[in-house]
């Protein structure tokens, strides 16, 4: 295995953009993924990308809606990101399963600026404000596969990407291209890069990113969880 080349993308305070991320690689459309634990299908995730504008700036409007175990888990994340480099503009999240169990809304709402992120989180009938200073540009830590597909992936490449995530706070993704794999998809077999992704927890997830267009083809996570193109996304969106 060749030595890893290193492309450092962890940004300093003076940075004004997210170099290396090419958000124009994304394309409008939707993809449905079946979610498994081992051989057991648990549910599905629908990922939708639409083009929009925010104050005249081209942006992507992205929804990732996952429903598992007949609705016992039902989480919908909504992102608005600058189209050029996926810098986050807005994020909101709705946990319908927790809301149904508790009788209270479970939501998150964030707005990003150059030097801070602010918003609120509501759970169990209590709303908690969020106001966090940012050391420089960050990515939205809840969006994984689409973000990785916007990188200049190549044999032996490695990346470190800064993020903010409302549960974890500031952190970084460590990403290494570990090889290639042929992935069976509804469109036929496709060649993919295999990525080892660590969000700072020490537990790596393998992402499969199409070589041709950067599309997310699936993932394998610790604990036997995996996703693959296909599944039933009726009622998601």
C-alpha atoms as a PDB file:
ATOM      1  CA  UNK A   1       0.000   0.000   0.000  1.00  0.00           C
ATOM      2  CA  UNK A   2       1.506   3.368  -0.976  1.00  0.00           C
ATOM      3  CA  UNK A   3       2.301   5.957   1.645  1.00  0.00           C
ATOM      4  CA  UNK A   4      -0.581   8.312   2.298  1.00  0.00           C
ATOM      5  CA  UNK A   5      -0.241  11.735   0.789  1.00  0.00           C
ATOM      6  CA  UNK A   6      -1.595  14.415   3.111  1.00  0.00           C
ATOM      7  CA  UNK A   7      -3.864  17.252   2.121  1.00  0.00           C
ATOM      8  CA  UNK A   8      -4.429  19.355   5.228  1.00  0.00           C
ATOM      9  CA  UNK A   9      -7.791  21.035   5.238  1.00  0.00           C
ATOM     10  CA  UNK A  10      -8.006  21.941   8.923  1.00  0.00           C
ATOM     11  CA  UNK A  11      -8.482  25.666   8.683  1.00  0.00           C
ATOM     12  CA  UNK A  12      -6.822  28.404  10.714  1.00  0.00           C
ATOM     13  CA  UNK A  13      -8.411  31.626  11.974  1.00  0.00           C
ATOM     14  CA  UNK A  14      -7.378  33.572   8.865  1.00  0.00           C
ATOM     15  CA  UNK A  15      -9.035  31.196   6.401  1.00  0.00           C
ATOM     16  CA  UNK A  16     -11.999  32.570   4.485  1.00  0.00           C
ATOM     17  CA  UNK A  17     -13.045  29.522   2.490  1.00  0.00           C
ATOM     18  CA  UNK A  18     -12.945  25.741   2.564  1.00  0.00           C
ATOM     19  CA  UNK A  19     -10.147  24.810   0.120  1.00  0.00           C
ATOM     20  CA  UNK A  20     -10.335  21.365  -1.440  1.00  0.00           C
ATOM     21  CA  UNK A  21     -14.121  21.096  -1.143  1.00  0.00           C
ATOM     22  CA  UNK A  22     -15.807  21.451  -4.529  1.00  0.00           C
ATOM     23  CA  UNK A  23     -19.523  21.693  -3.816  1.00  0.00           C
ATOM     24  CA  UNK A  24     -20.307  22.003  -7.517  1.00  0.00           C
ATOM     25  CA  UNK A  25     -19.637  18.267  -7.794  1.00  0.00           C
ATOM     26  CA  UNK A  26     -23.022  17.670  -6.153  1.00  0.00           C
ATOM     27  CA  UNK A  27     -25.998  17.280  -8.461  1.00  0.00           C
ATOM     28  CA  UNK A  28     -29.706  17.833  -7.876  1.00  0.00           C
ATOM     29  CA  UNK A  29     -31.680  14.662  -7.307  1.00  0.00           C
ATOM     30  CA  UNK A  30     -32.563  12.106  -4.681  1.00  0.00           C
ATOM     31  CA  UNK A  31     -31.230   8.754  -3.543  1.00  0.00           C
ATOM     32  CA  UNK A  32     -32.786   6.085  -1.319  1.00  0.00           C
ATOM     33  CA  UNK A  33     -30.619   3.894   0.888  1.00  0.00           C
ATOM     34  CA  UNK A  34     -31.656   0.737   2.702  1.00  0.00           C
ATOM     35  CA  UNK A  35     -30.258   0.556   6.251  1.00  0.00           C
ATOM     36  CA  UNK A  36     -29.100  -2.818   7.624  1.00  0.00           C
ATOM     37  CA  UNK A  37     -27.711  -4.337  10.771  1.00  0.00           C
ATOM     38  CA  UNK A  38     -26.040  -7.466   9.566  1.00  0.00           C
ATOM     39  CA  UNK A  39     -28.474  -9.047   7.110  1.00  0.00           C
ATOM     40  CA  UNK A  40     -31.545  -7.472   8.747  1.00  0.00           C
ATOM     41  CA  UNK A  41     -33.061  -4.484   6.975  1.00  0.00           C
ATOM     42  CA  UNK A  42     -33.998  -1.846   9.580  1.00  0.00           C
ATOM     43  CA  UNK A  43     -35.422   0.947   7.433  1.00  0.00           C
ATOM     44  CA  UNK A  44     -34.352   3.549   4.929  1.00  0.00           C
ATOM     45  CA  UNK A  45     -32.746   6.937   4.397  1.00  0.00           C
ATOM     46  CA  UNK A  46     -33.844   9.390   1.715  1.00  0.00           C
ATOM     47  CA  UNK A  47     -31.291  11.983   0.636  1.00  0.00           C
ATOM     48  CA  UNK A  48     -32.509  14.862  -1.540  1.00  0.00           C
ATOM     49  CA  UNK A  49     -30.444  17.663  -3.105  1.00  0.00           C
ATOM     50  CA  UNK A  50     -32.025  20.757  -4.690  1.00  0.00           C
ATOM     51  CA  UNK A  51     -30.454  23.919  -6.085  1.00  0.00           C
ATOM     52  CA  UNK A  52     -31.478  27.217  -4.490  1.00  0.00           C
ATOM     53  CA  UNK A  53     -30.154  30.702  -3.724  1.00  0.00           C
ATOM     54  CA  UNK A  54     -29.691  32.577  -0.456  1.00  0.00           C
ATOM     55  CA  UNK A  55     -29.410  36.359  -0.830  1.00  0.00           C
ATOM     56  CA  UNK A  56     -28.295  35.849  -4.413  1.00  0.00           C
ATOM     57  CA  UNK A  57     -25.641  33.259  -3.501  1.00  0.00           C
ATOM     58  CA  UNK A  58     -25.985  29.807  -5.150  1.00  0.00           C
ATOM     59  CA  UNK A  59     -26.699  27.168  -2.527  1.00  0.00           C
ATOM     60  CA  UNK A  60     -27.748  23.568  -2.065  1.00  0.00           C
ATOM     61  CA  UNK A  61     -30.911  22.694  -0.145  1.00  0.00           C
ATOM     62  CA  UNK A  62     -30.396  19.180   1.230  1.00  0.00           C
ATOM     63  CA  UNK A  63     -32.727  16.930   3.226  1.00  0.00           C
ATOM     64  CA  UNK A  64     -31.627  13.662   4.847  1.00  0.00           C
ATOM     65  CA  UNK A  65     -34.587  11.796   6.361  1.00  0.00           C
ATOM     66  CA  UNK A  66     -34.043   8.464   8.095  1.00  0.00           C
ATOM     67  CA  UNK A  67     -36.744   6.204   9.493  1.00  0.00           C
ATOM     68  CA  UNK A  68     -35.922   2.892  11.192  1.00  0.00           C
ATOM     69  CA  UNK A  69     -37.746   0.142  13.045  1.00  0.00           C
ATOM     70  CA  UNK A  70     -41.213   1.155  11.909  1.00  0.00           C
ATOM     71  CA  UNK A  71     -40.756   4.732  13.104  1.00  0.00           C
ATOM     72  CA  UNK A  72     -39.045   4.060  16.443  1.00  0.00           C
ATOM     73  CA  UNK A  73     -36.269   6.211  14.992  1.00  0.00           C
ATOM     74  CA  UNK A  74     -37.373   9.053  12.720  1.00  0.00           C
ATOM     75  CA  UNK A  75     -34.895  11.896  12.157  1.00  0.00           C
ATOM     76  CA  UNK A  76     -35.065  14.569   9.460  1.00  0.00           C
ATOM     77  CA  UNK A  77     -32.040  16.856   8.949  1.00  0.00           C
ATOM     78  CA  UNK A  78     -32.255  19.883   6.648  1.00  0.00           C
ATOM     79  CA  UNK A  79     -29.169  21.723   5.395  1.00  0.00           C
ATOM     80  CA  UNK A  80     -28.687  24.896   3.360  1.00  0.00           C
ATOM     81  CA  UNK A  81     -25.056  25.075   2.182  1.00  0.00           C
ATOM     82  CA  UNK A  82     -23.102  27.438  -0.058  1.00  0.00           C
ATOM     83  CA  UNK A  83     -22.848  25.685  -3.391  1.00  0.00           C
ATOM     84  CA  UNK A  84     -19.182  26.413  -4.094  1.00  0.00           C
ATOM     85  CA  UNK A  85     -17.651  24.843  -0.980  1.00  0.00           C
ATOM     86  CA  UNK A  86     -20.527  23.477   1.176  1.00  0.00           C
ATOM     87  CA  UNK A  87     -20.019  26.127   3.854  1.00  0.00           C
ATOM     88  CA  UNK A  88     -23.140  25.874   6.044  1.00  0.00           C
ATOM     89  CA  UNK A  89     -25.699  28.671   6.009  1.00  0.00           C
ATOM     90  CA  UNK A  90     -28.569  27.093   7.937  1.00  0.00           C
ATOM     91  CA  UNK A  91     -29.382  23.767   9.556  1.00  0.00           C
ATOM     92  CA  UNK A  92     -32.495  22.416  11.223  1.00  0.00           C
ATOM     93  CA  UNK A  93     -33.402  19.002  12.541  1.00  0.00           C
ATOM     94  CA  UNK A  94     -36.605  17.323  13.667  1.00  0.00           C
ATOM     95  CA  UNK A  95     -36.799  14.111  15.689  1.00  0.00           C
ATOM     96  CA  UNK A  96     -40.362  12.894  15.138  1.00  0.00           C
ATOM     97  CA  UNK A  97     -39.885   9.663  17.110  1.00  0.00           C
ATOM     98  CA  UNK A  98     -38.770  11.435  20.305  1.00  0.00           C
ATOM     99  CA  UNK A  99     -41.547  13.997  19.898  1.00  0.00           C
ATOM    100  CA  UNK A 100     -44.122  11.205  19.695  1.00  0.00           C
ATOM    101  CA  UNK A 101     -42.739   9.446  22.784  1.00  0.00           C
ATOM    102  CA  UNK A 102     -42.428  12.537  24.979  1.00  0.00           C
ATOM    103  CA  UNK A 103     -45.266  14.708  23.697  1.00  0.00           C
ATOM    104  CA  UNK A 104     -42.790  17.578  23.192  1.00  0.00           C
ATOM    105  CA  UNK A 105     -41.026  18.836  20.042  1.00  0.00           C
ATOM    106  CA  UNK A 106     -37.417  17.725  19.624  1.00  0.00           C
ATOM    107  CA  UNK A 107     -35.823  20.184  17.234  1.00  0.00           C
ATOM    108  CA  UNK A 108     -32.574  22.001  16.460  1.00  0.00           C
ATOM    109  CA  UNK A 109     -32.235  25.237  14.502  1.00  0.00           C
ATOM    110  CA  UNK A 110     -28.874  26.812  13.587  1.00  0.00           C
ATOM    111  CA  UNK A 111     -27.701  29.818  11.579  1.00  0.00           C
ATOM    112  CA  UNK A 112     -24.038  30.110  10.586  1.00  0.00           C
ATOM    113  CA  UNK A 113     -21.982  33.295  10.243  1.00  0.00           C
ATOM    114  CA  UNK A 114     -18.283  33.785   9.494  1.00  0.00           C
ATOM    115  CA  UNK A 115     -17.206  33.692  13.135  1.00  0.00           C
ATOM    116  CA  UNK A 116     -19.995  31.996  15.049  1.00  0.00           C
ATOM    117  CA  UNK A 117     -23.031  29.720  14.920  1.00  0.00           C
ATOM    118  CA  UNK A 118     -26.179  30.496  16.855  1.00  0.00           C
ATOM    119  CA  UNK A 119     -29.609  29.018  17.278  1.00  0.00           C
ATOM    120  CA  UNK A 120     -31.478  26.800  19.706  1.00  0.00           C
ATOM    121  CA  UNK A 121     -32.241  23.244  20.700  1.00  0.00           C
ATOM    122  CA  UNK A 122     -35.643  22.178  22.035  1.00  0.00           C
ATOM    123  CA  UNK A 123     -36.168  18.939  23.955  1.00  0.00           C
ATOM    124  CA  UNK A 124     -38.451  17.737  26.757  1.00  0.00           C
ATOM    125  CA  UNK A 125     -40.285  21.061  26.686  1.00  0.00           C
ATOM    126  CA  UNK A 126     -37.122  23.124  27.254  1.00  0.00           C
ATOM    127  CA  UNK A 127     -35.404  25.344  24.704  1.00  0.00           C
ATOM    128  CA  UNK A 128     -31.651  25.868  25.125  1.00  0.00           C
ATOM    129  CA  UNK A 129     -29.885  28.654  23.199  1.00  0.00           C
ATOM    130  CA  UNK A 130     -26.777  27.868  21.135  1.00  0.00           C
ATOM    131  CA  UNK A 131     -24.081  30.490  20.515  1.00  0.00           C
ATOM    132  CA  UNK A 132     -20.608  29.150  19.666  1.00  0.00           C
ATOM    133  CA  UNK A 133     -17.580  31.088  18.413  1.00  0.00           C
ATOM    134  CA  UNK A 134     -15.891  29.530  15.373  1.00  0.00           C
ATOM    135  CA  UNK A 135     -12.095  29.608  14.883  1.00  0.00           C
ATOM    136  CA  UNK A 136     -12.562  29.696  11.122  1.00  0.00           C
ATOM    137  CA  UNK A 137     -14.749  28.157   8.417  1.00  0.00           C
ATOM    138  CA  UNK A 138     -16.314  24.811   9.326  1.00  0.00           C
ATOM    139  CA  UNK A 139     -18.506  22.185   7.701  1.00  0.00           C
ATOM    140  CA  UNK A 140     -21.828  20.924   9.055  1.00  0.00           C
ATOM    141  CA  UNK A 141     -20.938  17.865  11.103  1.00  0.00           C
ATOM    142  CA  UNK A 142     -24.221  16.062  10.443  1.00  0.00           C
ATOM    143  CA  UNK A 143     -23.631  15.763   6.680  1.00  0.00           C
ATOM    144  CA  UNK A 144     -21.198  12.998   5.783  1.00  0.00           C
ATOM    145  CA  UNK A 145     -21.359  11.217   2.423  1.00  0.00           C
ATOM    146  CA  UNK A 146     -22.207  14.234   0.274  1.00  0.00           C
ATOM    147  CA  UNK A 147     -19.387  16.197   1.901  1.00  0.00           C
ATOM    148  CA  UNK A 148     -16.849  13.446   1.241  1.00  0.00           C
ATOM    149  CA  UNK A 149     -17.953  13.193  -2.389  1.00  0.00           C
ATOM    150  CA  UNK A 150     -16.985  16.854  -2.863  1.00  0.00           C
ATOM    151  CA  UNK A 151     -13.334  16.133  -1.996  1.00  0.00           C
ATOM    152  CA  UNK A 152     -10.550  15.585  -4.566  1.00  0.00           C
ATOM    153  CA  UNK A 153     -10.378  11.861  -3.839  1.00  0.00           C
ATOM    154  CA  UNK A 154      -7.411   9.927  -5.173  1.00  0.00           C
ATOM    155  CA  UNK A 155      -5.270   6.919  -4.354  1.00  0.00           C
ATOM    156  CA  UNK A 156      -3.593   7.438  -0.971  1.00  0.00           C
ATOM    157  CA  UNK A 157      -5.153  10.830  -0.230  1.00  0.00           C
ATOM    158  CA  UNK A 158      -5.901  11.894   3.339  1.00  0.00           C
ATOM    159  CA  UNK A 159      -7.887  14.836   4.704  1.00  0.00           C
ATOM    160  CA  UNK A 160      -8.772  16.546   7.948  1.00  0.00           C
ATOM    161  CA  UNK A 161     -11.976  18.595   7.783  1.00  0.00           C
ATOM    162  CA  UNK A 162     -13.219  20.925  10.546  1.00  0.00           C
ATOM    163  CA  UNK A 163     -16.875  20.713  11.530  1.00  0.00           C
ATOM    164  CA  UNK A 164     -19.434  21.942  14.017  1.00  0.00           C
ATOM    165  CA  UNK A 165     -22.081  19.516  15.249  1.00  0.00           C
ATOM    166  CA  UNK A 166     -24.769  20.517  17.733  1.00  0.00           C
ATOM    167  CA  UNK A 167     -24.165  17.441  19.940  1.00  0.00           C
ATOM    168  CA  UNK A 168     -20.371  17.243  19.756  1.00  0.00           C
ATOM    169  CA  UNK A 169     -19.441  20.892  19.245  1.00  0.00           C
ATOM    170  CA  UNK A 170     -16.284  21.680  17.266  1.00  0.00           C
ATOM    171  CA  UNK A 171     -14.332  18.752  15.865  1.00  0.00           C
ATOM    172  CA  UNK A 172     -12.792  17.358  12.726  1.00  0.00           C
ATOM    173  CA  UNK A 173     -13.220  14.451  10.344  1.00  0.00           C
ATOM    174  CA  UNK A 174     -10.109  12.382   9.623  1.00  0.00           C
ATOM    175  CA  UNK A 175     -10.512  10.799   6.204  1.00  0.00           C
ATOM    176  CA  UNK A 176      -8.197   8.426   4.348  1.00  0.00           C
ATOM    177  CA  UNK A 177      -8.711   6.884   0.911  1.00  0.00           C
ATOM    178  CA  UNK A 178      -7.863   3.250   1.607  1.00  0.00           C
ATOM    179  CA  UNK A 179      -8.500   1.685  -1.789  1.00  0.00           C
ATOM    180  CA  UNK A 180     -11.140   0.855  -4.382  1.00  0.00           C
ATOM    181  CA  UNK A 181     -14.160  -1.429  -4.567  1.00  0.00           C
ATOM    182  CA  UNK A 182     -16.772  -2.456  -7.117  1.00  0.00           C
ATOM    183  CA  UNK A 183     -20.223  -1.763  -5.670  1.00  0.00           C
ATOM    184  CA  UNK A 184     -23.437  -3.399  -6.837  1.00  0.00           C
ATOM    185  CA  UNK A 185     -26.131  -0.729  -7.312  1.00  0.00           C
ATOM    186  CA  UNK A 186     -29.567  -0.514  -8.975  1.00  0.00           C
ATOM    187  CA  UNK A 187     -27.699   1.135 -11.891  1.00  0.00           C
ATOM    188  CA  UNK A 188     -25.309  -1.786 -12.171  1.00  0.00           C
ATOM    189  CA  UNK A 189     -21.770  -2.226 -10.789  1.00  0.00           C
ATOM    190  CA  UNK A 190     -19.902   1.026 -10.121  1.00  0.00           C
ATOM    191  CA  UNK A 191     -16.302   1.673  -9.152  1.00  0.00           C
ATOM    192  CA  UNK A 192     -15.916   3.397  -5.793  1.00  0.00           C
ATOM    193  CA  UNK A 193     -13.238   4.799  -3.552  1.00  0.00           C
ATOM    194  CA  UNK A 194     -13.230   3.295  -0.057  1.00  0.00           C
ATOM    195  CA  UNK A 195     -12.812   5.929   2.663  1.00  0.00           C
ATOM    196  CA  UNK A 196     -11.963   5.336   6.322  1.00  0.00           C
ATOM    197  CA  UNK A 197     -13.724   8.132   8.240  1.00  0.00           C
ATOM    198  CA  UNK A 198     -13.164   8.967  11.909  1.00  0.00           C
ATOM    199  CA  UNK A 199     -15.160  11.916  13.352  1.00  0.00           C
ATOM    200  CA  UNK A 200     -12.878  12.032  16.393  1.00  0.00           C
ATOM    201  CA  UNK A 201     -14.360   9.104  18.319  1.00  0.00           C
ATOM    202  CA  UNK A 202     -11.770   6.568  17.214  1.00  0.00           C
ATOM    203  CA  UNK A 203     -14.483   4.417  15.591  1.00  0.00           C
ATOM    204  CA  UNK A 204     -14.014   4.356  11.827  1.00  0.00           C
ATOM    205  CA  UNK A 205     -16.839   4.172   9.292  1.00  0.00           C
ATOM    206  CA  UNK A 206     -16.160   3.037   5.722  1.00  0.00           C
ATOM    207  CA  UNK A 207     -17.772   5.196   3.027  1.00  0.00           C
ATOM    208  CA  UNK A 208     -18.097   4.136  -0.607  1.00  0.00           C
ATOM    209  CA  UNK A 209     -17.888   7.128  -2.977  1.00  0.00           C
ATOM    210  CA  UNK A 210     -18.331   6.717  -6.727  1.00  0.00           C
ATOM    211  CA  UNK A 211     -15.198   7.505  -8.708  1.00  0.00           C
ATOM    212  CA  UNK A 212     -17.152   8.845 -11.675  1.00  0.00           C
ATOM    213  CA  UNK A 213     -19.277  11.519  -9.994  1.00  0.00           C
ATOM    214  CA  UNK A 214     -18.646  11.519  -6.229  1.00  0.00           C
ATOM    215  CA  UNK A 215     -22.036   9.993  -5.429  1.00  0.00           C
ATOM    216  CA  UNK A 216     -22.445   8.209  -2.107  1.00  0.00           C
ATOM    217  CA  UNK A 217     -22.947   4.492  -2.830  1.00  0.00           C
ATOM    218  CA  UNK A 218     -23.137   3.190   0.727  1.00  0.00           C
ATOM    219  CA  UNK A 219     -21.360   2.884   4.057  1.00  0.00           C
ATOM    220  CA  UNK A 220     -20.306   0.338   6.678  1.00  0.00           C
ATOM    221  CA  UNK A 221     -20.240   1.356  10.348  1.00  0.00           C
ATOM    222  CA  UNK A 222     -19.098  -0.277  13.606  1.00  0.00           C
ATOM    223  CA  UNK A 223     -21.651  -2.608  15.125  1.00  0.00           C
ATOM    224  CA  UNK A 224     -22.560  -4.222  11.818  1.00  0.00           C
ATOM    225  CA  UNK A 225     -24.607  -1.289  10.485  1.00  0.00           C
ATOM    226  CA  UNK A 226     -24.505  -0.590   6.753  1.00  0.00           C
ATOM    227  CA  UNK A 227     -26.332   1.319   4.044  1.00  0.00           C
ATOM    228  CA  UNK A 228     -26.698   0.577   0.362  1.00  0.00           C
ATOM    229  CA  UNK A 229     -28.597   2.080  -2.530  1.00  0.00           C
ATOM    230  CA  UNK A 230     -32.148   0.722  -2.688  1.00  0.00           C
ATOM    231  CA  UNK A 231     -34.787   0.309  -0.030  1.00  0.00           C
ATOM    232  CA  UNK A 232     -38.268   1.773   0.433  1.00  0.00           C
ATOM    233  CA  UNK A 233     -38.327   5.541   1.042  1.00  0.00           C
ATOM    234  CA  UNK A 234     -42.113   5.969   0.813  1.00  0.00           C
ATOM    235  CA  UNK A 235     -43.271   8.677   3.187  1.00  0.00           C
ATOM    236  CA  UNK A 236     -39.802  10.181   3.636  1.00  0.00           C
ATOM    237  CA  UNK A 237     -38.834  13.653   2.542  1.00  0.00           C
END
